[in-house]
Amino acid sequence: MTKRMIATQLSVGALLLVLVALMESYTGWDTAAQRLWFDSATHEWVVSNELHARLTWVFYDGPKILLVVLGIACVAGVLGGARWNLPPECRRGCLLLLLSLALVPMLLGGAKQFTNVYCPKQIEEFGGEYVHQGVLECRNPANEGRSPGRCFPAGHASGGFALMMLFFCFRSHRARWAGLGAGLIAGWGMGFYQMLRGQHFLSHTLFTMIGAWMIILLVTWALRGFSFNKLVSINICPAVLPRLSRNRNSSCVTTRSPNRIFSFKRGFIMYAFLDAVRYLVRRLLPFIGIYFFAELTELSILALRESSNLHLSLKGLLVSFPVWVGTTMVSCLFSILPVLAYLLLLPRKWHGGRWDRRLSILFFFLFTAGHLFEEVAELLFWDEFTSRFNFVAVDYLVYTNEVIGNISQSYPVALFLGGITVAAGVVTLLARRWLSTIRTAPRLLMRFAGAALLVLCACSLNMVNFMDISEDTGDRYLTELSKDGLYSLFHAFFSNELSYNDFYLTRPDADTVATLAPLMASDARRVGDPASLAYEVAPHEKEIRANVVIVLMESMGSEFFSEFRDDGQKLTPELEKLASESLYFSHVYSTGTRTVRGIEALTLARPPLPGMPIVRLQGNDNLRGIWSVFRERGYDTKWIYGGYGYFDNMNAYFSGNGFTVVDRTVMQPEEITFSNIWGVCDENLFARAIKEADASHAAGKPFFNFVLTTSNHRPYTYPDGKISIPSKSGRNGGVMYADYSIGKFMEEARKHPWFDDTVFVFVADHGASSSGREEIKQGNHHIPLIIYAPKFIKPERRDQPISQIDAVPTLLSLLHFRYTGEFYGTNALDPDYVSRLFLSNYQKLAYVKGNEMVIMRPVRGVHFYRDGQQIGSAEAAKPQDRVKAPDASLQRVLDEGISYYQHSARWREFLKEQ
């Protein structure tokens, strides 16, 4: 294809892209076409979720795996083609196809992060929650504060359209057109399947096809004239390009075609580039080899150990092997990045020298020792959890001191470390001759270009969702074995999720529903899906349309109240005075140890999940929570925080559920008199909270504001001269200043017209000392709950123990709101209220009823407590095996605890807005 033809096609392609974008944004043809695949009566797509689960291997995960395998084959063809005597045309085709498979999905898939276009199934017309907006349109105001769209262009189809590069990989016209047809069929097949699922509009796939062809043309233009045949051009010294000449003693390669100098320059650059790639791969090959050898050895050990539990099938093997190769390759490529950086930064004249050889041996020894240490750790982890690294391992990294202490007492650490050191030394000695090189290194620019290609391959391979693909093996053990441990560790770190059903005691779902039905709002009318346990509360009293301000107080445990202190120090005079004028619950217990856990309890009223709370998990937008009750009544809902709300995903959580976000980024400099790393001081925060309340009141709207304080947090700094304890004096000063700020807030609020019609809720997110990896201590979760509204609520003290998740239903009952909810918390003012507590510490989940407590832990274990003393333990060998408690009373407590936590873990199934 000539240069003019390529330029013409690129121009026409750009014009077509603009035309498709205009039609997508400003016409209704996309929506009209999509209606063909959607049943408006049943709200089902042609390919429903159930059908997709059966077809995913054919149309979704399977094609992705085949493309990955094809890409790996192309890498092998480019790098090993000369050794295997592949024809130059074949090697050139492998290079072209490799670049297409890497660049097309990466560029078009990466564009989805910026286009902000929603999928068909996400928009209102097809049963979703978002308003449709095109790629060229401004963000629709109805979608403000909600999760951005990630559906344009069609990322899944881009891999198929990358195969259109086959048109340029063959010489004969018939083969070329067959290759182009294969790419079009693959791309449209994958794209059309996504359309039938409601995942893409027609324009998304059409745009992707045109964009893929333009990328392919650009790659082809960049490599025009390039061939793997020996160069026959102007003089080139073998020192610069050693592979061009078989005769190392000759000083040059002579030119025979001076009229093809321009073509030679392109060829020379490409040869130099590929020579740099081969050089880097040759230097990194020992590291890659030992990584795969160790992983294969570990896989063999685990497979032999679990041979009695494995249920092998052809489908399982076809899924698991590519997943293992892919995840291991991704982990390996990212693990050798430090060595790659060394090869780039080392001066060219030092490559192959004495110090290069010594440093290479040292790096190889450290790399081998580190990887063997990771393999031993993974074997020990499997021995305890029968799983690859997951969130439990991430949790271990958070609590390093405790974990090191536990390991040193449980395993012969010195023996392990000595064995790893010796093994790494032996491997290094055996590999020493492969670590040395006498080749002259390519120039720095070519090394950087070669390294960029390797990094590009790693990033492209990492875009494949191997974790989802691995679930299709049909066997849990095979699924776990198919994943690389290091890959699983980082996936767990970024996904922050630990599966309850895989690692904790379970019961049949029907039994959990039967157990919970009489415990959750038993006098309310059940609505919707019976399995969801949704209910409708319909009080007889008239609703009180009061404003509500919930103040979540950072680390304000009850231990700071004078009545619970032994030293007589009064750190919280303002809160204690407020408590005497309010409905005061003196024995409330937080669900967890983190602020985000408190946010989860106060907004969703659900028992805690193992691992990270819902605030940190994917898919936490458009949920039904306390905001739903207020938004139905036309309330302004605002999230007000003095720090940067991106921390712990708080802004995304609140904005994704319809809150207006007010954090430090929107505060003006004149509003801030003092700040530290965590945010503005509490006085500034409350001043902004009053300003937001004034704005809602002026607009004639009631408001529900959720405020989070920050001053009672290390480093405990605050403005000087406010309290008797100087700033930076420790925890007591942070507590006293936070209390002082609350007093000033209430004093200022009383001056505003909305004060009398407002309910103020002050509750701590967690206690001050509730973190740790020991067995859960109930006292460390002790927090206050103060509900203040002199016009509506009479002062009263309640001393019975209640859970933090009971605060929401109790507040709604005080307002006499009629609502439909799925809250697990109950009204603590109900005469029939039965106290039960939910406590967690990352992995461990406790359920407390009276003087009895069960603590559930991975893997399917439980400890039984009565009157604070452990009286037994049990462990299930398999999921849903029933464990026997010491007596019938503890058995009932265990069954209730399992039911609460197991049902709560199904939040994605039941909490989404309809």
Foldseek 3Di string as FASTA:
>chain_A
DDPVVLVVLLVVLVVVLVVLLCCQAPHCPLVVVLVVQADPVVLAGVCGPVNCLVCCCPQNQVVVLVLLVLLVVLVCCQQCVVVVVNFFLQNVLSVLLNCLLLPLLCVQQVCLVPQQAAFQCQDVVSPHDHHGGGSPDDDDPSCPLADGHRQAQPNRLSNLLSQLLQLVSDDDNVSNVVSNVRSVCSSVSNVVVCSSRRRHTPSNSVSSNSVSVSVSSVSCVLQPLATPPQDAADWDACLQVVVNDPDNPDGTHHHDCHVCVVSVVSRVLVSLLSVLLNVLCLLCVLLLVLLVVLLVVLLVVLCVVCVVQDDADPLLVVLLQSLLVLQSLLVSLVLCVVVLVVVLPPDQVCALHPVQLVVLLVVQLVSQLVSVVVSVVQVVVCVFFVFFDALVVVVCVVVVVVNVVVCVVVDVVVVSSVVSNVVSVVSSVVCSVSNGDPRRRHDSVSNVSSSVVSVSSSVSSVVSPSLVSLVPSPGPSSSRSSHDRVSNNVVNVQQQDDFCLSWAAAAPLVLLLVLCCCVFPVVFAADDDSSLSWTWDADPDDFQLFFEEEEAEEQFFLCQPQVNDDVNDNQFPLVVVLQQFFAKAQFAFAAEDDLVSLVCLQWAQAHAAFGDGLLQHPPLAQFDTLVVLVVVVVAQEAEFEFFDCPVSNRSNNQSSHPHHYHYNVPDDPVLAPDADNGGGALLSRLVVVVVVCVVCVVVVHRYYYYYYHDCQDPQNADDPPQDPDHGSPDNSSSSNSNSSSVNVSLVVLVVDPSQLRYKYKYKYSAHNPQADDDDGDRSRRTIMITIDHNNQGGNDYHHDYAYSSQPSQQVCVSSSGIDMHSNSHHRPPDPPDFHWYWYDHNFWIWIDHDQWIWIIGTRHKIWIDGNRDTDDIDHDPDHNDDTDDPDDVVSSRVSNRNSRRVSSSCSSVNTRDD
